[in-house]
Amino acid sequence: MKKTCGFLLAIIFMIINCAGPKIDLKFNIKPGSVYSYKVTTEQQISQTIQGKVVDMDQTIIMEYRYDVKEINDQGNTVVDIVYERIGYMQDGPLGHIDYKSWEDNKEIPLLAQGFASLVDQGFTMEISPHGSVVAITGTEKIIDKMIKDMDLPESNGMTEEIKQGMQNQFGDAALKETMKSMFSIYPDRPVGVGDSWQATWNMSKGFPMILNNTWKLKEINDTEVILDVYTKVESNKEAILSQMGGMEMSYDLSGEQSGSMVLDRVTGWCTRSQLDQIFEGTIRATGEMFGGQEGLEWPIKVAGTVTIESSVE
């Protein structure tokens, strides 16, 4: 009996050791640190509108500067974030568009003007140790600049509608959701290789979606933590895609994205990531130009890759 118990204890000991160490993975960057953070989104978009195939290739590059200011009394990290460089490239029905803020642009393409207004603008983020985005502030001045740069006539009745649309894309609430998708990735317990955790996000701004996320810890080494990432995507059908000038658009999309993330073992900061995504479904538009309330509906398919590259300055 003693030999049997000893054998079982040895097996249990081996299992525990094989499972490896558990780590407490948190958002733990230090005041005074400065990070560069580049997000590149490449997408191939295909639509069939009234029998006509409309294909478009699109690349958006957003380069941020994260300046870590303090850990406040609540234990949250306060970070000033600035849009340093932005690129917007597109090939499609409107021809070729190529805007890069780091190059000389004699004339900024119309579709890139909103992005151009973001350069050197910034906002402040407060984020908890578990990656919860507590608050975003300072976007109102960004939107005011975007409106000013559009140089709309003072009597233009669409100015308020345009501002509301920009709030939906770049306002405090919208950016809070965007930053959540970048940073609300940390588990609520110590984890080891093979462990996984989940979270569901209801995104209501920009392109409203429900994201069902799963992260799995793939590898731990002396400096890095490597995660496998999988997200099932569904439409947030209660949200409206956009409203302007009597036009209303909504959509029904589903799909998935998968890939990997590499985090710094000490700070929890994402140093690099690649996620491949594929979505498809339908877009519905109503309004006078789409036949009134009856509207128009057409299929859409999106395939793309989102890449993150980051480093300490």
C-alpha atoms as a PDB file:
ATOM      1  CA  MET A   1       0.000   0.000   0.000  1.00  0.00           C
ATOM      2  CA  LYS A   2       2.830   2.382   0.914  1.00  0.00           C
ATOM      3  CA  LYS A   3       4.540   1.634  -2.408  1.00  0.00           C
ATOM      4  CA  THR A   4       1.283   2.361  -4.283  1.00  0.00           C
ATOM      5  CA  CYS A   5       0.823   5.693  -2.473  1.00  0.00           C
ATOM      6  CA  GLY A   6       4.419   6.626  -3.129  1.00  0.00           C
ATOM      7  CA  PHE A   7       4.010   5.830  -6.818  1.00  0.00           C
ATOM      8  CA  LEU A   8       0.849   7.954  -7.066  1.00  0.00           C
ATOM      9  CA  LEU A   9       2.543  10.887  -5.317  1.00  0.00           C
ATOM     10  CA  ALA A  10       5.446  10.615  -7.749  1.00  0.00           C
ATOM     11  CA  ILE A  11       3.026  10.716 -10.703  1.00  0.00           C
ATOM     12  CA  ILE A  12       1.239  13.777  -9.278  1.00  0.00           C
ATOM     13  CA  PHE A  13       4.591  15.494  -8.694  1.00  0.00           C
ATOM     14  CA  MET A  14       5.614  14.813 -12.322  1.00  0.00           C
ATOM     15  CA  ILE A  15       2.315  16.184 -13.654  1.00  0.00           C
ATOM     16  CA  ILE A  16       2.690  19.378 -11.632  1.00  0.00           C
ATOM     17  CA  ASN A  17       6.267  19.858 -12.834  1.00  0.00           C
ATOM     18  CA  CYS A  18       5.365  19.154 -16.468  1.00  0.00           C
ATOM     19  CA  ALA A  19       2.602  21.749 -16.287  1.00  0.00           C
ATOM     20  CA  GLY A  20       5.299  24.378 -15.767  1.00  0.00           C
ATOM     21  CA  PRO A  21       5.190  27.650 -13.862  1.00  0.00           C
ATOM     22  CA  LYS A  22       2.188  29.896 -13.568  1.00  0.00           C
ATOM     23  CA  ILE A  23       2.642  33.603 -14.247  1.00  0.00           C
ATOM     24  CA  ASP A  24       0.516  36.577 -13.252  1.00  0.00           C
ATOM     25  CA  LEU A  25       0.151  38.272 -16.621  1.00  0.00           C
ATOM     26  CA  LYS A  26      -0.798  41.946 -16.207  1.00  0.00           C
ATOM     27  CA  PHE A  27      -0.525  45.364 -17.814  1.00  0.00           C
ATOM     28  CA  ASN A  28       2.539  46.600 -15.953  1.00  0.00           C
ATOM     29  CA  ILE A  29       4.320  49.325 -17.913  1.00  0.00           C
ATOM     30  CA  LYS A  30       6.232  51.910 -15.879  1.00  0.00           C
ATOM     31  CA  PRO A  31       5.881  55.713 -15.654  1.00  0.00           C
ATOM     32  CA  GLY A  32       8.515  57.453 -17.766  1.00  0.00           C
ATOM     33  CA  SER A  33       8.466  54.736 -20.426  1.00  0.00           C
ATOM     34  CA  VAL A  34       7.745  55.681 -24.022  1.00  0.00           C
ATOM     35  CA  TYR A  35       6.600  53.165 -26.634  1.00  0.00           C
ATOM     36  CA  SER A  36       6.105  53.312 -30.381  1.00  0.00           C
ATOM     37  CA  TYR A  37       3.105  51.243 -31.489  1.00  0.00           C
ATOM     38  CA  LYS A  38       2.301  50.531 -35.142  1.00  0.00           C
ATOM     39  CA  VAL A  39      -0.938  48.900 -36.291  1.00  0.00           C
ATOM     40  CA  THR A  40      -1.242  47.910 -39.958  1.00  0.00           C
ATOM     41  CA  THR A  41      -4.597  46.705 -41.302  1.00  0.00           C
ATOM     42  CA  GLU A  42      -4.603  45.196 -44.800  1.00  0.00           C
ATOM     43  CA  GLN A  43      -7.963  44.182 -46.251  1.00  0.00           C
ATOM     44  CA  GLN A  44      -9.389  42.843 -49.485  1.00  0.00           C
ATOM     45  CA  ILE A  45     -13.055  43.813 -49.739  1.00  0.00           C
ATOM     46  CA  SER A  46     -15.427  42.357 -52.312  1.00  0.00           C
ATOM     47  CA  GLN A  47     -19.041  43.467 -52.819  1.00  0.00           C
ATOM     48  CA  THR A  48     -21.671  42.657 -55.422  1.00  0.00           C
ATOM     49  CA  ILE A  49     -24.022  45.618 -55.857  1.00  0.00           C
ATOM     50  CA  GLN A  50     -26.968  45.158 -58.235  1.00  0.00           C
ATOM     51  CA  GLY A  51     -25.101  42.429 -60.062  1.00  0.00           C
ATOM     52  CA  LYS A  52     -21.834  44.370 -60.370  1.00  0.00           C
ATOM     53  CA  VAL A  53     -18.736  43.083 -58.574  1.00  0.00           C
ATOM     54  CA  VAL A  54     -16.894  45.853 -56.725  1.00  0.00           C
ATOM     55  CA  ASP A  55     -13.467  44.858 -55.380  1.00  0.00           C
ATOM     56  CA  MET A  56     -11.198  47.034 -53.256  1.00  0.00           C
ATOM     57  CA  ASP A  57      -7.803  46.601 -51.589  1.00  0.00           C
ATOM     58  CA  GLN A  58      -7.221  48.822 -48.567  1.00  0.00           C
ATOM     59  CA  THR A  59      -4.327  49.387 -46.178  1.00  0.00           C
ATOM     60  CA  ILE A  60      -4.463  51.595 -43.078  1.00  0.00           C
ATOM     61  CA  ILE A  61      -1.325  52.285 -41.033  1.00  0.00           C
ATOM     62  CA  MET A  62      -1.615  53.929 -37.606  1.00  0.00           C
ATOM     63  CA  GLU A  63       1.559  54.707 -35.677  1.00  0.00           C
ATOM     64  CA  TYR A  64       1.121  55.881 -32.092  1.00  0.00           C
ATOM     65  CA  ARG A  65       3.426  57.207 -29.397  1.00  0.00           C
ATOM     66  CA  TYR A  66       2.540  56.000 -25.884  1.00  0.00           C
ATOM     67  CA  ASP A  67       3.969  58.189 -23.122  1.00  0.00           C
ATOM     68  CA  VAL A  68       3.390  56.591 -19.696  1.00  0.00           C
ATOM     69  CA  LYS A  69       2.688  59.442 -17.248  1.00  0.00           C
ATOM     70  CA  GLU A  70       1.784  57.916 -13.877  1.00  0.00           C
ATOM     71  CA  ILE A  71       0.142  55.230 -11.784  1.00  0.00           C
ATOM     72  CA  ASN A  72      -2.807  57.016 -10.160  1.00  0.00           C
ATOM     73  CA  ASP A  73      -4.348  56.528  -6.717  1.00  0.00           C
ATOM     74  CA  GLN A  74      -6.620  53.785  -8.072  1.00  0.00           C
ATOM     75  CA  GLY A  75      -3.607  51.792  -9.275  1.00  0.00           C
ATOM     76  CA  ASN A  76      -4.408  52.477 -12.930  1.00  0.00           C
ATOM     77  CA  THR A  77      -1.841  53.533 -15.532  1.00  0.00           C
ATOM     78  CA  VAL A  78      -2.319  56.924 -17.215  1.00  0.00           C
ATOM     79  CA  VAL A  79      -0.927  57.164 -20.745  1.00  0.00           C
ATOM     80  CA  ASP A  80      -0.802  60.045 -23.219  1.00  0.00           C
ATOM     81  CA  ILE A  81      -1.256  58.744 -26.769  1.00  0.00           C
ATOM     82  CA  VAL A  82      -0.370  60.671 -29.937  1.00  0.00           C
ATOM     83  CA  TYR A  83      -1.005  59.763 -33.575  1.00  0.00           C
ATOM     84  CA  GLU A  84       2.512  60.147 -34.967  1.00  0.00           C
ATOM     85  CA  ARG A  85       2.222  58.800 -38.517  1.00  0.00           C
ATOM     86  CA  ILE A  86      -0.726  57.620 -40.595  1.00  0.00           C
ATOM     87  CA  GLY A  87      -1.018  55.941 -43.970  1.00  0.00           C
ATOM     88  CA  TYR A  88      -4.125  55.301 -46.058  1.00  0.00           C
ATOM     89  CA  MET A  89      -3.820  53.388 -49.335  1.00  0.00           C
ATOM     90  CA  GLN A  90      -6.639  52.096 -51.510  1.00  0.00           C
ATOM     91  CA  ASP A  91      -7.135  50.540 -54.939  1.00  0.00           C
ATOM     92  CA  GLY A  92     -10.705  50.233 -56.118  1.00  0.00           C
ATOM     93  CA  PRO A  93     -13.572  51.847 -58.025  1.00  0.00           C
ATOM     94  CA  LEU A  94     -12.346  55.327 -57.050  1.00  0.00           C
ATOM     95  CA  GLY A  95      -8.905  54.638 -58.479  1.00  0.00           C
ATOM     96  CA  HIS A  96      -5.611  54.637 -56.613  1.00  0.00           C
ATOM     97  CA  ILE A  97      -5.265  56.516 -53.328  1.00  0.00           C
ATOM     98  CA  ASP A  98      -1.867  56.765 -51.646  1.00  0.00           C
ATOM     99  CA  TYR A  99      -1.530  58.946 -48.559  1.00  0.00           C
ATOM    100  CA  LYS A 100       1.420  58.663 -46.168  1.00  0.00           C
ATOM    101  CA  SER A 101       1.841  61.411 -43.596  1.00  0.00           C
ATOM    102  CA  TRP A 102       5.624  60.897 -43.518  1.00  0.00           C
ATOM    103  CA  GLU A 103       5.910  61.821 -47.199  1.00  0.00           C
ATOM    104  CA  ASP A 104       5.399  65.181 -48.886  1.00  0.00           C
ATOM    105  CA  ASN A 105       1.741  65.440 -49.915  1.00  0.00           C
ATOM    106  CA  LYS A 106       1.050  68.333 -52.243  1.00  0.00           C
ATOM    107  CA  GLU A 107      -2.615  67.431 -52.245  1.00  0.00           C
ATOM    108  CA  ILE A 108      -4.310  65.158 -49.715  1.00  0.00           C
ATOM    109  CA  PRO A 109      -6.900  62.817 -51.310  1.00  0.00           C
ATOM    110  CA  LEU A 110     -10.445  63.498 -50.179  1.00  0.00           C
ATOM    111  CA  LEU A 111     -10.900  60.075 -48.555  1.00  0.00           C
ATOM    112  CA  ALA A 112      -7.642  60.532 -46.613  1.00  0.00           C
ATOM    113  CA  GLN A 113      -8.338  64.005 -45.243  1.00  0.00           C
ATOM    114  CA  GLY A 114      -9.890  62.715 -42.032  1.00  0.00           C
ATOM    115  CA  PHE A 115      -6.816  60.560 -41.362  1.00  0.00           C
ATOM    116  CA  ALA A 116      -4.495  63.471 -42.165  1.00  0.00           C
ATOM    117  CA  SER A 117      -6.218  65.580 -39.498  1.00  0.00           C
ATOM    118  CA  LEU A 118      -5.283  63.034 -36.837  1.00  0.00           C
ATOM    119  CA  VAL A 119      -1.519  63.431 -37.245  1.00  0.00           C
ATOM    120  CA  ASP A 120       0.142  64.935 -34.119  1.00  0.00           C
ATOM    121  CA  GLN A 121      -3.206  64.913 -32.276  1.00  0.00           C
ATOM    122  CA  GLY A 122      -3.588  62.980 -29.053  1.00  0.00           C
ATOM    123  CA  PHE A 123      -5.734  61.810 -26.161  1.00  0.00           C
ATOM    124  CA  THR A 124      -5.288  60.309 -22.683  1.00  0.00           C
ATOM    125  CA  MET A 125      -6.072  56.746 -21.627  1.00  0.00           C
ATOM    126  CA  GLU A 126      -6.480  55.296 -18.129  1.00  0.00           C
ATOM    127  CA  ILE A 127      -6.039  51.522 -18.001  1.00  0.00           C
ATOM    128  CA  SER A 128      -6.202  49.015 -15.146  1.00  0.00           C
ATOM    129  CA  PRO A 129      -3.614  46.282 -14.381  1.00  0.00           C
ATOM    130  CA  HIS A 130      -5.953  43.737 -15.999  1.00  0.00           C
ATOM    131  CA  GLY A 131      -6.140  45.787 -19.201  1.00  0.00           C
ATOM    132  CA  SER A 132      -9.581  47.283 -18.648  1.00  0.00           C
ATOM    133  CA  VAL A 133      -9.803  50.685 -20.341  1.00  0.00           C
ATOM    134  CA  VAL A 134     -11.223  52.795 -17.528  1.00  0.00           C
ATOM    135  CA  ALA A 135     -11.428  56.114 -19.386  1.00  0.00           C
ATOM    136  CA  ILE A 136     -10.502  57.932 -22.586  1.00  0.00           C
ATOM    137  CA  THR A 137     -10.416  61.739 -22.580  1.00  0.00           C
ATOM    138  CA  GLY A 138      -9.368  64.476 -24.965  1.00  0.00           C
ATOM    139  CA  THR A 139     -10.931  63.407 -28.255  1.00  0.00           C
ATOM    140  CA  GLU A 140     -13.231  66.428 -28.564  1.00  0.00           C
ATOM    141  CA  LYS A 141     -10.365  68.654 -29.731  1.00  0.00           C
ATOM    142  CA  ILE A 142      -9.390  66.027 -32.311  1.00  0.00           C
ATOM    143  CA  ILE A 143     -12.893  66.019 -33.786  1.00  0.00           C
ATOM    144  CA  ASP A 144     -13.044  69.833 -33.766  1.00  0.00           C
ATOM    145  CA  LYS A 145      -9.805  69.891 -35.790  1.00  0.00           C
ATOM    146  CA  MET A 146     -11.147  67.331 -38.250  1.00  0.00           C
ATOM    147  CA  ILE A 147     -14.259  69.480 -38.795  1.00  0.00           C
ATOM    148  CA  LYS A 148     -12.135  72.630 -39.169  1.00  0.00           C
ATOM    149  CA  ASP A 149      -9.838  70.978 -41.715  1.00  0.00           C
ATOM    150  CA  MET A 150     -12.862  70.011 -43.827  1.00  0.00           C
ATOM    151  CA  ASP A 151     -13.501  73.750 -44.316  1.00  0.00           C
ATOM    152  CA  LEU A 152     -17.270  73.354 -44.508  1.00  0.00           C
ATOM    153  CA  PRO A 153     -19.455  76.425 -45.177  1.00  0.00           C
ATOM    154  CA  GLU A 154     -20.841  77.889 -41.959  1.00  0.00           C
ATOM    155  CA  SER A 155     -24.379  77.452 -43.265  1.00  0.00           C
ATOM    156  CA  ASN A 156     -23.829  73.776 -44.101  1.00  0.00           C
ATOM    157  CA  GLY A 157     -26.634  71.910 -42.355  1.00  0.00           C
ATOM    158  CA  MET A 158     -24.701  68.625 -42.416  1.00  0.00           C
ATOM    159  CA  THR A 159     -21.924  69.815 -40.098  1.00  0.00           C
ATOM    160  CA  GLU A 160     -23.605  68.431 -36.978  1.00  0.00           C
ATOM    161  CA  GLU A 161     -24.348  65.106 -38.700  1.00  0.00           C
ATOM    162  CA  ILE A 162     -20.722  64.851 -39.815  1.00  0.00           C
ATOM    163  CA  LYS A 163     -19.542  65.618 -36.283  1.00  0.00           C
ATOM    164  CA  GLN A 164     -21.783  62.901 -34.868  1.00  0.00           C
ATOM    165  CA  GLY A 165     -20.364  60.477 -37.421  1.00  0.00           C
ATOM    166  CA  MET A 166     -16.841  61.361 -36.342  1.00  0.00           C
ATOM    167  CA  GLN A 167     -17.818  60.907 -32.701  1.00  0.00           C
ATOM    168  CA  ASN A 168     -18.920  57.402 -33.651  1.00  0.00           C
ATOM    169  CA  GLN A 169     -15.480  56.699 -35.130  1.00  0.00           C
ATOM    170  CA  PHE A 170     -13.048  58.797 -33.061  1.00  0.00           C
ATOM    171  CA  GLY A 171     -14.903  59.999 -29.930  1.00  0.00           C
ATOM    172  CA  ASP A 172     -14.120  59.001 -26.332  1.00  0.00           C
ATOM    173  CA  ALA A 173     -16.524  56.033 -26.357  1.00  0.00           C
ATOM    174  CA  ALA A 174     -15.359  54.803 -29.772  1.00  0.00           C
ATOM    175  CA  LEU A 175     -11.679  54.927 -28.870  1.00  0.00           C
ATOM    176  CA  LYS A 176     -12.394  53.243 -25.550  1.00  0.00           C
ATOM    177  CA  GLU A 177     -13.776  50.283 -27.496  1.00  0.00           C
ATOM    178  CA  THR A 178     -10.839  50.331 -29.928  1.00  0.00           C
ATOM    179  CA  MET A 179      -8.315  50.317 -27.101  1.00  0.00           C
ATOM    180  CA  LYS A 180     -10.238  47.544 -25.351  1.00  0.00           C
ATOM    181  CA  SER A 181      -9.570  45.305 -28.361  1.00  0.00           C
ATOM    182  CA  MET A 182      -5.839  46.011 -27.979  1.00  0.00           C
ATOM    183  CA  PHE A 183      -5.403  45.786 -24.217  1.00  0.00           C
ATOM    184  CA  SER A 184      -8.255  43.913 -22.500  1.00  0.00           C
ATOM    185  CA  ILE A 185      -6.453  40.623 -23.085  1.00  0.00           C
ATOM    186  CA  TYR A 186      -5.168  39.644 -19.650  1.00  0.00           C
ATOM    187  CA  PRO A 187      -6.429  36.673 -17.582  1.00  0.00           C
ATOM    188  CA  ASP A 188      -8.004  37.121 -14.142  1.00  0.00           C
ATOM    189  CA  ARG A 189      -5.760  34.451 -12.600  1.00  0.00           C
ATOM    190  CA  PRO A 190      -2.188  33.132 -12.870  1.00  0.00           C
ATOM    191  CA  VAL A 191      -1.789  31.013 -16.015  1.00  0.00           C
ATOM    192  CA  GLY A 192       0.684  28.510 -17.413  1.00  0.00           C
ATOM    193  CA  VAL A 193       1.390  26.898 -20.766  1.00  0.00           C
ATOM    194  CA  GLY A 194      -1.778  25.291 -22.121  1.00  0.00           C
ATOM    195  CA  ASP A 195      -4.154  27.443 -20.067  1.00  0.00           C
ATOM    196  CA  SER A 196      -6.829  29.473 -21.857  1.00  0.00           C
ATOM    197  CA  TRP A 197      -9.282  32.225 -20.945  1.00  0.00           C
ATOM    198  CA  GLN A 198     -12.190  33.966 -22.663  1.00  0.00           C
ATOM    199  CA  ALA A 199     -13.923  37.324 -22.892  1.00  0.00           C
ATOM    200  CA  THR A 200     -16.844  38.664 -24.920  1.00  0.00           C
ATOM    201  CA  TRP A 201     -16.926  42.287 -26.069  1.00  0.00           C
ATOM    202  CA  ASN A 202     -20.008  44.090 -27.366  1.00  0.00           C
ATOM    203  CA  MET A 203     -18.709  46.792 -29.686  1.00  0.00           C
ATOM    204  CA  SER A 204     -21.300  49.459 -30.497  1.00  0.00           C
ATOM    205  CA  LYS A 205     -19.175  52.186 -32.131  1.00  0.00           C
ATOM    206  CA  GLY A 206     -17.438  52.334 -35.494  1.00  0.00           C
ATOM    207  CA  PHE A 207     -18.307  48.922 -36.945  1.00  0.00           C
ATOM    208  CA  PRO A 208     -20.517  47.358 -34.246  1.00  0.00           C
ATOM    209  CA  MET A 209     -19.640  43.733 -33.553  1.00  0.00           C
ATOM    210  CA  ILE A 210     -19.779  41.086 -30.866  1.00  0.00           C
ATOM    211  CA  LEU A 211     -16.335  39.567 -30.377  1.00  0.00           C
ATOM    212  CA  ASN A 212     -16.058  36.211 -28.599  1.00  0.00           C
ATOM    213  CA  ASN A 213     -12.361  35.951 -27.746  1.00  0.00           C
ATOM    214  CA  THR A 214     -10.210  33.036 -26.586  1.00  0.00           C
ATOM    215  CA  TRP A 215      -6.535  33.334 -25.659  1.00  0.00           C
ATOM    216  CA  LYS A 216      -4.321  30.312 -25.025  1.00  0.00           C
ATOM    217  CA  LEU A 217      -0.862  30.503 -23.516  1.00  0.00           C
ATOM    218  CA  LYS A 218       1.426  28.747 -25.991  1.00  0.00           C
ATOM    219  CA  GLU A 219       4.913  29.426 -24.650  1.00  0.00           C
ATOM    220  CA  ILE A 220       6.824  31.175 -21.874  1.00  0.00           C
ATOM    221  CA  ASN A 221      10.517  31.991 -22.130  1.00  0.00           C
ATOM    222  CA  ASP A 222      12.856  34.262 -20.171  1.00  0.00           C
ATOM    223  CA  THR A 223      11.606  37.476 -21.798  1.00  0.00           C
ATOM    224  CA  GLU A 224       8.368  36.743 -23.654  1.00  0.00           C
ATOM    225  CA  VAL A 225       4.924  35.206 -23.365  1.00  0.00           C
ATOM    226  CA  ILE A 226       3.381  33.876 -26.591  1.00  0.00           C
ATOM    227  CA  LEU A 227      -0.395  33.595 -26.950  1.00  0.00           C
ATOM    228  CA  ASP A 228      -2.582  31.904 -29.545  1.00  0.00           C
ATOM    229  CA  VAL A 229      -5.636  34.041 -30.271  1.00  0.00           C
ATOM    230  CA  TYR A 230      -9.012  33.093 -31.736  1.00  0.00           C
ATOM    231  CA  THR A 231     -12.044  35.343 -32.087  1.00  0.00           C
ATOM    232  CA  LYS A 232     -15.493  34.466 -33.374  1.00  0.00           C
ATOM    233  CA  VAL A 233     -17.167  37.571 -34.775  1.00  0.00           C
ATOM    234  CA  GLU A 234     -20.892  38.316 -34.979  1.00  0.00           C
ATOM    235  CA  SER A 235     -22.770  41.464 -35.918  1.00  0.00           C
ATOM    236  CA  ASN A 236     -24.175  43.649 -33.200  1.00  0.00           C
ATOM    237  CA  LYS A 237     -27.509  43.802 -34.982  1.00  0.00           C
ATOM    238  CA  GLU A 238     -28.999  46.402 -32.657  1.00  0.00           C
ATOM    239  CA  ALA A 239     -26.497  49.020 -33.810  1.00  0.00           C
ATOM    240  CA  ILE A 240     -26.627  51.239 -36.914  1.00  0.00           C
ATOM    241  CA  LEU A 241     -23.536  51.399 -39.116  1.00  0.00           C
ATOM    242  CA  SER A 242     -23.997  55.018 -40.152  1.00  0.00           C
ATOM    243  CA  GLN A 243     -26.624  57.707 -40.568  1.00  0.00           C
ATOM    244  CA  MET A 244     -26.143  60.818 -42.683  1.00  0.00           C
ATOM    245  CA  GLY A 245     -28.264  62.977 -44.953  1.00  0.00           C
ATOM    246  CA  GLY A 246     -31.313  60.764 -44.589  1.00  0.00           C
ATOM    247  CA  MET A 247     -29.310  57.626 -45.363  1.00  0.00           C
ATOM    248  CA  GLU A 248     -29.067  54.751 -42.913  1.00  0.00           C
ATOM    249  CA  MET A 249     -26.773  51.743 -43.222  1.00  0.00           C
ATOM    250  CA  SER A 250     -26.619  48.539 -41.216  1.00  0.00           C
ATOM    251  CA  TYR A 251     -25.017  45.201 -41.787  1.00  0.00           C
ATOM    252  CA  ASP A 252     -25.044  41.535 -40.852  1.00  0.00           C
ATOM    253  CA  LEU A 253     -21.531  40.088 -40.823  1.00  0.00           C
ATOM    254  CA  SER A 254     -19.973  37.046 -39.221  1.00  0.00           C
ATOM    255  CA  GLY A 255     -16.580  35.427 -39.346  1.00  0.00           C
ATOM    256  CA  GLU A 256     -13.430  34.847 -37.374  1.00  0.00           C
ATOM    257  CA  GLN A 257      -9.901  36.008 -36.766  1.00  0.00           C
ATOM    258  CA  SER A 258      -6.964  34.019 -35.485  1.00  0.00           C
ATOM    259  CA  GLY A 259      -3.257  34.390 -34.943  1.00  0.00           C
ATOM    260  CA  SER A 260      -0.748  35.082 -32.215  1.00  0.00           C
ATOM    261  CA  MET A 261       0.450  37.774 -29.823  1.00  0.00           C
ATOM    262  CA  VAL A 262       3.847  38.159 -28.192  1.00  0.00           C
ATOM    263  CA  LEU A 263       3.916  39.959 -24.829  1.00  0.00           C
ATOM    264  CA  ASP A 264       6.823  41.176 -22.749  1.00  0.00           C
ATOM    265  CA  ARG A 265       6.966  38.846 -19.740  1.00  0.00           C
ATOM    266  CA  VAL A 266       7.607  41.651 -17.226  1.00  0.00           C
ATOM    267  CA  THR A 267       5.406  44.486 -18.497  1.00  0.00           C
ATOM    268  CA  GLY A 268       2.702  42.538 -20.338  1.00  0.00           C
ATOM    269  CA  TRP A 269       3.168  44.941 -23.263  1.00  0.00           C
ATOM    270  CA  CYS A 270       2.382  43.547 -26.729  1.00  0.00           C
ATOM    271  CA  THR A 271       5.588  43.724 -28.770  1.00  0.00           C
ATOM    272  CA  ARG A 272       4.206  42.086 -31.908  1.00  0.00           C
ATOM    273  CA  SER A 273       1.080  40.376 -33.164  1.00  0.00           C
ATOM    274  CA  GLN A 274      -0.516  39.083 -36.342  1.00  0.00           C
ATOM    275  CA  LEU A 275      -4.203  38.267 -36.718  1.00  0.00           C
ATOM    276  CA  ASP A 276      -5.751  36.944 -39.942  1.00  0.00           C
ATOM    277  CA  GLN A 277      -9.430  37.698 -40.380  1.00  0.00           C
ATOM    278  CA  ILE A 278     -12.275  36.717 -42.678  1.00  0.00           C
ATOM    279  CA  PHE A 279     -15.819  38.099 -42.502  1.00  0.00           C
ATOM    280  CA  GLU A 280     -18.788  37.891 -44.825  1.00  0.00           C
ATOM    281  CA  GLY A 281     -22.440  38.827 -44.850  1.00  0.00           C
ATOM    282  CA  THR A 282     -24.687  41.602 -46.131  1.00  0.00           C
ATOM    283  CA  ILE A 283     -24.991  45.393 -46.009  1.00  0.00           C
ATOM    284  CA  ARG A 284     -28.380  47.086 -46.045  1.00  0.00           C
ATOM    285  CA  ALA A 285     -28.902  50.734 -46.964  1.00  0.00           C
ATOM    286  CA  THR A 286     -32.126  52.731 -46.786  1.00  0.00           C
ATOM    287  CA  GLY A 287     -32.935  56.302 -47.714  1.00  0.00           C
ATOM    288  CA  GLU A 288     -34.031  58.278 -50.748  1.00  0.00           C
ATOM    289  CA  MET A 289     -31.006  57.376 -52.874  1.00  0.00           C
ATOM    290  CA  PHE A 290     -31.572  53.663 -52.099  1.00  0.00           C
ATOM    291  CA  GLY A 291     -35.285  53.504 -52.866  1.00  0.00           C
ATOM    292  CA  GLY A 292     -36.684  54.808 -49.585  1.00  0.00           C
ATOM    293  CA  GLN A 293     -37.458  52.488 -46.693  1.00  0.00           C
ATOM    294  CA  GLU A 294     -37.427  49.439 -48.962  1.00  0.00           C
ATOM    295  CA  GLY A 295     -33.729  50.041 -49.401  1.00  0.00           C
ATOM    296  CA  LEU A 296     -31.019  48.015 -51.050  1.00  0.00           C
ATOM    297  CA  GLU A 297     -29.131  44.982 -49.775  1.00  0.00           C
ATOM    298  CA  TRP A 298     -25.931  43.419 -51.123  1.00  0.00           C
ATOM    299  CA  PRO A 299     -23.317  40.820 -50.103  1.00  0.00           C
ATOM    300  CA  ILE A 300     -19.841  41.684 -48.846  1.00  0.00           C
ATOM    301  CA  LYS A 301     -16.753  39.641 -48.042  1.00  0.00           C
ATOM    302  CA  VAL A 302     -13.674  40.917 -46.184  1.00  0.00           C
ATOM    303  CA  ALA A 303     -10.347  39.114 -45.836  1.00  0.00           C
ATOM    304  CA  GLY A 304      -7.465  40.787 -44.079  1.00  0.00           C
ATOM    305  CA  THR A 305      -4.526  40.824 -41.713  1.00  0.00           C
ATOM    306  CA  VAL A 306      -3.898  43.054 -38.696  1.00  0.00           C
ATOM    307  CA  THR A 307      -0.260  43.383 -37.668  1.00  0.00           C
ATOM    308  CA  ILE A 308       1.132  45.062 -34.540  1.00  0.00           C
ATOM    309  CA  GLU A 309       4.778  46.070 -34.122  1.00  0.00           C
ATOM    310  CA  SER A 310       5.966  47.874 -30.997  1.00  0.00           C
ATOM    311  CA  SER A 311       9.184  48.838 -29.241  1.00  0.00           C
ATOM    312  CA  VAL A 312      10.481  50.959 -26.360  1.00  0.00           C
ATOM    313  CA  GLU A 313      11.907  54.309 -27.428  1.00  0.00           C
END
